[in-house]
PDB file of N, CA and C in Angstrom:
ATOM      1  N   MET A   1     126.079  68.883 124.375  1.00  0.00           N
ATOM      2  CA  MET A   1     125.750  70.155 123.740  1.00  0.00           C
ATOM      3  C   MET A   1     126.972  71.116 123.881  1.00  0.00           C
ATOM      4  N   VAL A   2     127.579  71.096 124.996  1.00  0.00           N
ATOM      5  CA  VAL A   2     128.631  72.084 125.232  1.00  0.00           C
ATOM      6  C   VAL A   2     129.766  71.898 124.308  1.00  0.00           C
ATOM      7  N   GLU A   3     130.019  70.714 123.785  1.00  0.00           N
ATOM      8  CA  GLU A   3     131.102  70.430 122.875  1.00  0.00           C
ATOM      9  C   GLU A   3     131.006  71.263 121.637  1.00  0.00           C
ATOM     10  N   ILE A   4     129.775  71.647 121.197  1.00  0.00           N
ATOM     11  CA  ILE A   4     129.626  72.354 119.938  1.00  0.00           C
ATOM     12  C   ILE A   4     129.724  73.892 120.123  1.00  0.00           C
ATOM     13  N   LEU A   5     129.869  74.331 121.388  1.00  0.00           N
ATOM     14  CA  LEU A   5     129.868  75.785 121.652  1.00  0.00           C
ATOM     15  C   LEU A   5     131.334  76.291 121.598  1.00  0.00           C
ATOM     16  N   ASP A   6     131.433  77.540 121.266  1.00  0.00           N
ATOM     17  CA  ASP A   6     132.771  78.197 121.279  1.00  0.00           C
ATOM     18  C   ASP A   6     132.962  78.788 122.672  1.00  0.00           C
ATOM     19  N   GLU A   7     133.708  78.052 123.504  1.00  0.00           N
ATOM     20  CA  GLU A   7     133.853  78.428 124.928  1.00  0.00           C
ATOM     21  C   GLU A   7     134.381  79.835 125.127  1.00  0.00           C
ATOM     22  N   TRP A   8     135.186  80.345 124.206  1.00  0.00           N
ATOM     23  CA  TRP A   8     135.731  81.677 124.380  1.00  0.00           C
ATOM     24  C   TRP A   8     134.681  82.770 124.272  1.00  0.00           C
ATOM     25  N   LYS A   9     133.586  82.499 123.638  1.00  0.00           N
ATOM     26  CA  LYS A   9     132.526  83.538 123.436  1.00  0.00           C
ATOM     27  C   LYS A   9     131.421  83.470 124.518  1.00  0.00           C
ATOM     28  N   LEU A  10     131.557  82.524 125.412  1.00  0.00           N
ATOM     29  CA  LEU A  10     130.519  82.325 126.455  1.00  0.00           C
ATOM     30  C   LEU A  10     130.719  83.279 127.601  1.00  0.00           C
ATOM     31  N   VAL A  11     129.606  83.748 128.146  1.00  0.00           N
ATOM     32  CA  VAL A  11     129.618  84.591 129.351  1.00  0.00           C
ATOM     33  C   VAL A  11     129.638  83.712 130.586  1.00  0.00           C
ATOM     34  N   ASN A  12     128.693  82.811 130.682  1.00  0.00           N
ATOM     35  CA  ASN A  12     128.582  81.866 131.770  1.00  0.00           C
ATOM     36  C   ASN A  12     129.324  80.608 131.316  1.00  0.00           C
ATOM     37  N   LYS A  13     130.426  80.301 131.991  1.00  0.00           N
ATOM     38  CA  LYS A  13     131.263  79.172 131.578  1.00  0.00           C
ATOM     39  C   LYS A  13     131.199  78.031 132.548  1.00  0.00           C
ATOM     40  N   THR A  14     130.080  77.919 133.260  1.00  0.00           N
ATOM     41  CA  THR A  14     129.896  76.793 134.204  1.00  0.00           C
ATOM     42  C   THR A  14     129.253  75.637 133.464  1.00  0.00           C
ATOM     43  N   PHE A  15     129.976  74.545 133.389  1.00  0.00           N
ATOM     44  CA  PHE A  15     129.507  73.385 132.617  1.00  0.00           C
ATOM     45  C   PHE A  15     129.184  72.146 133.495  1.00  0.00           C
ATOM     46  N   GLU A  16     129.412  72.204 134.787  1.00  0.00           N
ATOM     47  CA  GLU A  16     129.241  71.051 135.642  1.00  0.00           C
ATOM     48  C   GLU A  16     127.837  70.461 135.527  1.00  0.00           C
ATOM     49  N   TRP A  17     126.849  71.320 135.413  1.00  0.00           N
ATOM     50  CA  TRP A  17     125.431  70.859 135.336  1.00  0.00           C
ATOM     51  C   TRP A  17     125.247  69.908 134.155  1.00  0.00           C
ATOM     52  N   THR A  18     126.037  70.008 133.111  1.00  0.00           N
ATOM     53  CA  THR A  18     125.811  69.224 131.891  1.00  0.00           C
ATOM     54  C   THR A  18     126.002  67.697 132.166  1.00  0.00           C
ATOM     55  N   ASP A  19     126.770  67.342 133.177  1.00  0.00           N
ATOM     56  CA  ASP A  19     126.958  65.951 133.530  1.00  0.00           C
ATOM     57  C   ASP A  19     125.669  65.247 133.941  1.00  0.00           C
ATOM     58  N   ASP A  20     124.771  66.034 134.494  1.00  0.00           N
ATOM     59  CA  ASP A  20     123.502  65.467 134.958  1.00  0.00           C
ATOM     60  C   ASP A  20     122.305  65.801 134.024  1.00  0.00           C
ATOM     61  N   ALA A  21     122.590  66.332 132.895  1.00  0.00           N
ATOM     62  CA  ALA A  21     121.519  66.718 131.956  1.00  0.00           C
ATOM     63  C   ALA A  21     120.853  65.493 131.378  1.00  0.00           C
ATOM     64  N   ALA A  22     119.545  65.509 131.365  1.00  0.00           N
ATOM     65  CA  ALA A  22     118.738  64.414 130.813  1.00  0.00           C
ATOM     66  C   ALA A  22     118.915  64.259 129.312  1.00  0.00           C
ATOM     67  N   CYS A  23     119.341  65.349 128.674  1.00  0.00           N
ATOM     68  CA  CYS A  23     119.516  65.413 127.189  1.00  0.00           C
ATOM     69  C   CYS A  23     120.878  64.948 126.697  1.00  0.00           C
ATOM     70  N   LYS A  24     121.760  64.606 127.620  1.00  0.00           N
ATOM     71  CA  LYS A  24     123.104  64.284 127.246  1.00  0.00           C
ATOM     72  C   LYS A  24     123.085  63.269 126.073  1.00  0.00           C
ATOM     73  N   GLY A  25     123.762  63.653 124.980  1.00  0.00           N
ATOM     74  CA  GLY A  25     123.875  62.837 123.794  1.00  0.00           C
ATOM     75  C   GLY A  25     122.697  62.951 122.815  1.00  0.00           C
ATOM     76  N   MET A  26     121.748  63.856 123.100  1.00  0.00           N
ATOM     77  CA  MET A  26     120.560  63.990 122.241  1.00  0.00           C
ATOM     78  C   MET A  26     120.506  65.335 121.522  1.00  0.00           C
ATOM     79  N   THR A  27     121.593  65.888 121.132  1.00  0.00           N
ATOM     80  CA  THR A  27     121.614  67.275 120.594  1.00  0.00           C
ATOM     81  C   THR A  27     120.709  67.481 119.402  1.00  0.00           C
ATOM     82  N   GLU A  28     120.544  66.497 118.560  1.00  0.00           N
ATOM     83  CA  GLU A  28     119.775  66.716 117.330  1.00  0.00           C
ATOM     84  C   GLU A  28     118.355  67.172 117.571  1.00  0.00           C
ATOM     85  N   MET A  29     117.650  66.582 118.514  1.00  0.00           N
ATOM     86  CA  MET A  29     116.279  67.028 118.767  1.00  0.00           C
ATOM     87  C   MET A  29     116.182  68.369 119.369  1.00  0.00           C
ATOM     88  N   PHE A  30     117.212  68.889 119.957  1.00  0.00           N
ATOM     89  CA  PHE A  30     117.168  70.137 120.588  1.00  0.00           C
ATOM     90  C   PHE A  30     117.582  71.313 119.595  1.00  0.00           C
ATOM     91  N   PHE A  31     117.976  70.906 118.412  1.00  0.00           N
ATOM     92  CA  PHE A  31     118.283  71.901 117.387  1.00  0.00           C
ATOM     93  C   PHE A  31     117.703  71.401 116.059  1.00  0.00           C
ATOM     94  N   PRO A  32     116.364  71.362 115.957  1.00  0.00           N
ATOM     95  CA  PRO A  32     115.728  70.762 114.780  1.00  0.00           C
ATOM     96  C   PRO A  32     115.778  71.713 113.583  1.00  0.00           C
ATOM     97  N   GLU A  33     115.697  71.046 112.403  1.00  0.00           N
ATOM     98  CA  GLU A  33     115.548  71.814 111.159  1.00  0.00           C
ATOM     99  C   GLU A  33     114.092  72.307 111.097  1.00  0.00           C
ATOM    100  N   LYS A  34     113.884  73.346 110.315  1.00  0.00           N
ATOM    101  CA  LYS A  34     112.522  73.961 110.300  1.00  0.00           C
ATOM    102  C   LYS A  34     111.429  72.986 109.989  1.00  0.00           C
ATOM    103  N   GLY A  35     111.586  72.098 109.050  1.00  0.00           N
ATOM    104  CA  GLY A  35     110.567  71.156 108.647  1.00  0.00           C
ATOM    105  C   GLY A  35     110.133  70.160 109.752  1.00  0.00           C
ATOM    106  N   ASP A  36     111.094  69.821 110.609  1.00  0.00           N
ATOM    107  CA  ASP A  36     110.859  68.863 111.701  1.00  0.00           C
ATOM    108  C   ASP A  36     110.579  69.530 113.016  1.00  0.00           C
ATOM    109  N   ALA A  37     110.560  70.821 113.034  1.00  0.00           N
ATOM    110  CA  ALA A  37     110.614  71.585 114.304  1.00  0.00           C
ATOM    111  C   ALA A  37     109.527  71.174 115.330  1.00  0.00           C
ATOM    112  N   ASP A  38     108.301  71.207 114.964  1.00  0.00           N
ATOM    113  CA  ASP A  38     107.232  71.057 115.963  1.00  0.00           C
ATOM    114  C   ASP A  38     107.334  69.740 116.733  1.00  0.00           C
ATOM    115  N   GLY A  39     107.439  68.671 116.044  1.00  0.00           N
ATOM    116  CA  GLY A  39     107.496  67.389 116.699  1.00  0.00           C
ATOM    117  C   GLY A  39     108.763  67.194 117.570  1.00  0.00           C
ATOM    118  N   LEU A  40     109.891  67.644 117.057  1.00  0.00           N
ATOM    119  CA  LEU A  40     111.144  67.503 117.791  1.00  0.00           C
ATOM    120  C   LEU A  40     111.189  68.444 118.994  1.00  0.00           C
ATOM    121  N   VAL A  41     110.656  69.632 118.781  1.00  0.00           N
ATOM    122  CA  VAL A  41     110.650  70.611 119.928  1.00  0.00           C
ATOM    123  C   VAL A  41     109.797  70.027 121.090  1.00  0.00           C
ATOM    124  N   ASN A  42     108.682  69.466 120.736  1.00  0.00           N
ATOM    125  CA  ASN A  42     107.830  68.881 121.772  1.00  0.00           C
ATOM    126  C   ASN A  42     108.530  67.718 122.480  1.00  0.00           C
ATOM    127  N   LYS A  43     109.246  66.915 121.752  1.00  0.00           N
ATOM    128  CA  LYS A  43     110.029  65.801 122.325  1.00  0.00           C
ATOM    129  C   LYS A  43     111.128  66.331 123.209  1.00  0.00           C
ATOM    130  N   ALA A  44     111.822  67.380 122.747  1.00  0.00           N
ATOM    131  CA  ALA A  44     112.891  67.989 123.535  1.00  0.00           C
ATOM    132  C   ALA A  44     112.342  68.560 124.863  1.00  0.00           C
ATOM    133  N   LYS A  45     111.210  69.252 124.775  1.00  0.00           N
ATOM    134  CA  LYS A  45     110.611  69.810 125.944  1.00  0.00           C
ATOM    135  C   LYS A  45     110.181  68.746 126.934  1.00  0.00           C
ATOM    136  N   ALA A  46     109.756  67.576 126.418  1.00  0.00           N
ATOM    137  CA  ALA A  46     109.406  66.435 127.299  1.00  0.00           C
ATOM    138  C   ALA A  46     110.627  65.972 128.067  1.00  0.00           C
ATOM    139  N   VAL A  47     111.767  65.913 127.401  1.00  0.00           N
ATOM    140  CA  VAL A  47     113.009  65.542 128.071  1.00  0.00           C
ATOM    141  C   VAL A  47     113.350  66.570 129.138  1.00  0.00           C
ATOM    142  N   CYS A  48     113.217  67.814 128.777  1.00  0.00           N
ATOM    143  CA  CYS A  48     113.544  68.923 129.751  1.00  0.00           C
ATOM    144  C   CYS A  48     112.670  68.802 130.975  1.00  0.00           C
ATOM    145  N   ALA A  49     111.424  68.441 130.792  1.00  0.00           N
ATOM    146  CA  ALA A  49     110.460  68.402 131.904  1.00  0.00           C
ATOM    147  C   ALA A  49     110.911  67.409 132.963  1.00  0.00           C
ATOM    148  N   THR A  50     111.734  66.399 132.623  1.00  0.00           N
ATOM    149  CA  THR A  50     112.162  65.411 133.555  1.00  0.00           C
ATOM    150  C   THR A  50     113.587  65.704 134.068  1.00  0.00           C
ATOM    151  N   CYS A  51     114.167  66.789 133.612  1.00  0.00           N
ATOM    152  CA  CYS A  51     115.609  67.020 133.874  1.00  0.00           C
ATOM    153  C   CYS A  51     115.834  67.796 135.215  1.00  0.00           C
ATOM    154  N   LYS A  52     116.751  67.275 136.006  1.00  0.00           N
ATOM    155  CA  LYS A  52     116.998  67.925 137.274  1.00  0.00           C
ATOM    156  C   LYS A  52     117.907  69.170 137.187  1.00  0.00           C
ATOM    157  N   VAL A  53     118.486  69.379 136.062  1.00  0.00           N
ATOM    158  CA  VAL A  53     119.311  70.603 135.847  1.00  0.00           C
ATOM    159  C   VAL A  53     118.682  71.591 134.847  1.00  0.00           C
ATOM    160  N   LYS A  54     117.411  71.460 134.700  1.00  0.00           N
ATOM    161  CA  LYS A  54     116.669  72.348 133.728  1.00  0.00           C
ATOM    162  C   LYS A  54     116.893  73.802 133.997  1.00  0.00           C
ATOM    163  N   ASP A  55     116.864  74.238 135.257  1.00  0.00           N
ATOM    164  CA  ASP A  55     117.041  75.630 135.601  1.00  0.00           C
ATOM    165  C   ASP A  55     118.458  76.104 135.243  1.00  0.00           C
ATOM    166  N   ASP A  56     119.456  75.281 135.547  1.00  0.00           N
ATOM    167  CA  ASP A  56     120.843  75.604 135.202  1.00  0.00           C
ATOM    168  C   ASP A  56     121.004  75.795 133.678  1.00  0.00           C
ATOM    169  N   CYS A  57     120.386  74.897 132.959  1.00  0.00           N
ATOM    170  CA  CYS A  57     120.452  74.936 131.472  1.00  0.00           C
ATOM    171  C   CYS A  57     119.811  76.192 130.928  1.00  0.00           C
ATOM    172  N   LEU A  58     118.643  76.523 131.459  1.00  0.00           N
ATOM    173  CA  LEU A  58     117.958  77.741 131.051  1.00  0.00           C
ATOM    174  C   LEU A  58     118.795  78.959 131.374  1.00  0.00           C
ATOM    175  N   GLN A  59     119.341  79.036 132.546  1.00  0.00           N
ATOM    176  CA  GLN A  59     120.206  80.164 132.960  1.00  0.00           C
ATOM    177  C   GLN A  59     121.401  80.285 132.048  1.00  0.00           C
ATOM    178  N   PHE A  60     122.015  79.177 131.686  1.00  0.00           N
ATOM    179  CA  PHE A  60     123.159  79.164 130.797  1.00  0.00           C
ATOM    180  C   PHE A  60     122.784  79.796 129.467  1.00  0.00           C
ATOM    181  N   ALA A  61     121.609  79.377 128.938  1.00  0.00           N
ATOM    182  CA  ALA A  61     121.173  79.953 127.665  1.00  0.00           C
ATOM    183  C   ALA A  61     120.861  81.415 127.723  1.00  0.00           C
ATOM    184  N   LEU A  62     120.243  81.828 128.847  1.00  0.00           N
ATOM    185  CA  LEU A  62     119.885  83.242 129.020  1.00  0.00           C
ATOM    186  C   LEU A  62     121.169  84.072 129.195  1.00  0.00           C
ATOM    187  N   ASP A  63     122.091  83.625 129.991  1.00  0.00           N
ATOM    188  CA  ASP A  63     123.339  84.342 130.202  1.00  0.00           C
ATOM    189  C   ASP A  63     124.112  84.585 128.932  1.00  0.00           C
ATOM    190  N   ASN A  64     124.002  83.588 128.038  1.00  0.00           N
ATOM    191  CA  ASN A  64     124.777  83.618 126.762  1.00  0.00           C
ATOM    192  C   ASN A  64     123.951  84.104 125.567  1.00  0.00           C
ATOM    193  N   SER A  65     122.720  84.453 125.801  1.00  0.00           N
ATOM    194  CA  SER A  65     121.796  84.982 124.769  1.00  0.00           C
ATOM    195  C   SER A  65     121.722  84.038 123.540  1.00  0.00           C
ATOM    196  N   PHE A  66     121.575  82.745 123.791  1.00  0.00           N
ATOM    197  CA  PHE A  66     121.463  81.796 122.732  1.00  0.00           C
ATOM    198  C   PHE A  66     120.218  82.019 121.902  1.00  0.00           C
ATOM    199  N   GLN A  67     120.323  82.039 120.619  1.00  0.00           N
ATOM    200  CA  GLN A  67     119.199  82.346 119.714  1.00  0.00           C
ATOM    201  C   GLN A  67     118.616  81.126 119.102  1.00  0.00           C
ATOM    202  N   TYR A  68     119.224  79.940 119.299  1.00  0.00           N
ATOM    203  CA  TYR A  68     118.775  78.729 118.680  1.00  0.00           C
ATOM    204  C   TYR A  68     118.625  77.613 119.673  1.00  0.00           C
ATOM    205  N   GLY A  69     117.760  76.706 119.387  1.00  0.00           N
ATOM    206  CA  GLY A  69     117.613  75.483 120.157  1.00  0.00           C
ATOM    207  C   GLY A  69     116.673  75.597 121.351  1.00  0.00           C
ATOM    208  N   VAL A  70     116.449  74.438 121.915  1.00  0.00           N
ATOM    209  CA  VAL A  70     115.678  74.301 123.156  1.00  0.00           C
ATOM    210  C   VAL A  70     116.647  74.188 124.284  1.00  0.00           C
ATOM    211  N   TRP A  71     116.502  75.122 125.264  1.00  0.00           N
ATOM    212  CA  TRP A  71     117.390  75.109 126.426  1.00  0.00           C
ATOM    213  C   TRP A  71     116.501  75.285 127.646  1.00  0.00           C
ATOM    214  N   GLY A  72     116.655  74.444 128.657  1.00  0.00           N
ATOM    215  CA  GLY A  72     115.846  74.608 129.865  1.00  0.00           C
ATOM    216  C   GLY A  72     114.375  74.484 129.643  1.00  0.00           C
ATOM    217  N   GLY A  73     113.998  73.822 128.568  1.00  0.00           N
ATOM    218  CA  GLY A  73     112.568  73.613 128.278  1.00  0.00           C
ATOM    219  C   GLY A  73     111.926  74.734 127.513  1.00  0.00           C
ATOM    220  N   MET A  74     112.758  75.690 127.024  1.00  0.00           N
ATOM    221  CA  MET A  74     112.194  76.845 126.307  1.00  0.00           C
ATOM    222  C   MET A  74     112.834  77.001 124.941  1.00  0.00           C
ATOM    223  N   THR A  75     112.008  77.350 123.994  1.00  0.00           N
ATOM    224  CA  THR A  75     112.516  77.708 122.649  1.00  0.00           C
ATOM    225  C   THR A  75     113.151  79.092 122.689  1.00  0.00           C
ATOM    226  N   SER A  76     113.750  79.478 121.609  1.00  0.00           N
ATOM    227  CA  SER A  76     114.366  80.789 121.488  1.00  0.00           C
ATOM    228  C   SER A  76     113.341  81.868 121.727  1.00  0.00           C
ATOM    229  N   ARG A  77     112.188  81.773 121.129  1.00  0.00           N
ATOM    230  CA  ARG A  77     111.121  82.776 121.313  1.00  0.00           C
ATOM    231  C   ARG A  77     110.630  82.828 122.712  1.00  0.00           C
ATOM    232  N   GLN A  78     110.466  81.675 123.373  1.00  0.00           N
ATOM    233  CA  GLN A  78     110.046  81.677 124.737  1.00  0.00           C
ATOM    234  C   GLN A  78     111.107  82.284 125.693  1.00  0.00           C
ATOM    235  N   ARG A  79     112.368  82.022 125.389  1.00  0.00           N
ATOM    236  CA  ARG A  79     113.427  82.604 126.220  1.00  0.00           C
ATOM    237  C   ARG A  79     113.464  84.133 126.056  1.00  0.00           C
ATOM    238  N   LYS A  80     113.204  84.608 124.827  1.00  0.00           N
ATOM    239  CA  LYS A  80     113.217  86.069 124.588  1.00  0.00           C
ATOM    240  C   LYS A  80     112.092  86.705 125.394  1.00  0.00           C
ATOM    241  N   THR A  81     110.921  86.107 125.364  1.00  0.00           N
ATOM    242  CA  THR A  81     109.776  86.616 126.105  1.00  0.00           C
ATOM    243  C   THR A  81     110.048  86.566 127.625  1.00  0.00           C
ATOM    244  N   TYR A  82     110.583  85.494 128.068  1.00  0.00           N
ATOM    245  CA  TYR A  82     110.900  85.286 129.469  1.00  0.00           C
ATOM    246  C   TYR A  82     111.914  86.323 129.940  1.00  0.00           C
ATOM    247  N   LYS A  83     112.948  86.545 129.119  1.00  0.00           N
ATOM    248  CA  LYS A  83     113.998  87.507 129.515  1.00  0.00           C
ATOM    249  C   LYS A  83     113.397  88.935 129.598  1.00  0.00           C
ATOM    250  N   ALA A  84     112.530  89.269 128.656  1.00  0.00           N
ATOM    251  CA  ALA A  84     111.868  90.576 128.673  1.00  0.00           C
ATOM    252  C   ALA A  84     110.993  90.713 129.913  1.00  0.00           C
ATOM    253  N   GLN A  85     110.318  89.675 130.293  1.00  0.00           N
ATOM    254  CA  GLN A  85     109.481  89.692 131.486  1.00  0.00           C
ATOM    255  C   GLN A  85     110.340  89.923 132.759  1.00  0.00           C
ATOM    256  N   LEU A  86     111.513  89.252 132.801  1.00  0.00           N
ATOM    257  CA  LEU A  86     112.407  89.407 133.921  1.00  0.00           C
ATOM    258  C   LEU A  86     112.900  90.896 134.048  1.00  0.00           C
ATOM    259  N   ARG A  87     113.170  91.482 132.903  1.00  0.00           N
ATOM    260  CA  ARG A  87     113.604  92.883 132.886  1.00  0.00           C
ATOM    261  C   ARG A  87     112.478  93.795 133.390  1.00  0.00           C
ATOM    262  N   ARG A  88     111.256  93.525 132.924  1.00  0.00           N
ATOM    263  CA  ARG A  88     110.114  94.348 133.386  1.00  0.00           C
ATOM    264  C   ARG A  88     109.878  94.125 134.887  1.00  0.00           C
ATOM    265  N   ASP A  89     110.054  92.951 135.366  1.00  0.00           N
ATOM    266  CA  ASP A  89     109.848  92.657 136.797  1.00  0.00           C
ATOM    267  C   ASP A  89     110.887  93.412 137.641  1.00  0.00           C
ATOM    268  N   LYS A  90     112.022  93.657 137.115  1.00  0.00           N
ATOM    269  CA  LYS A  90     113.095  94.361 137.890  1.00  0.00           C
ATOM    270  C   LYS A  90     112.847  95.846 137.979  1.00  0.00           C
ATOM    271  N   GLN A  91     112.011  96.400 137.104  1.00  0.00           N
ATOM    272  CA  GLN A  91     111.791  97.860 137.080  1.00  0.00           C
ATOM    273  C   GLN A  91     110.885  98.307 138.147  1.00  0.00           C
TER     274      GLN A  91
END
């Protein structure tokens, strides 16, 4: 996944965790087209559920405010909600 990112625009540039990612080489299911979204998102989340670097992946997506794809077992909408909850918890 990291190969498709513009490294210069990233905030969190730690990529070591990607070597151990369960999704390595499976980028298509993590960025589904709208028509295929539900089934592929569920498959992607199932891969994430078994991944030992899931938390690192999620943090990478949150740090960089990714708006697309499944990262760390969460969709864009779920990450947005989660990030808002984290901000509320800090107050």
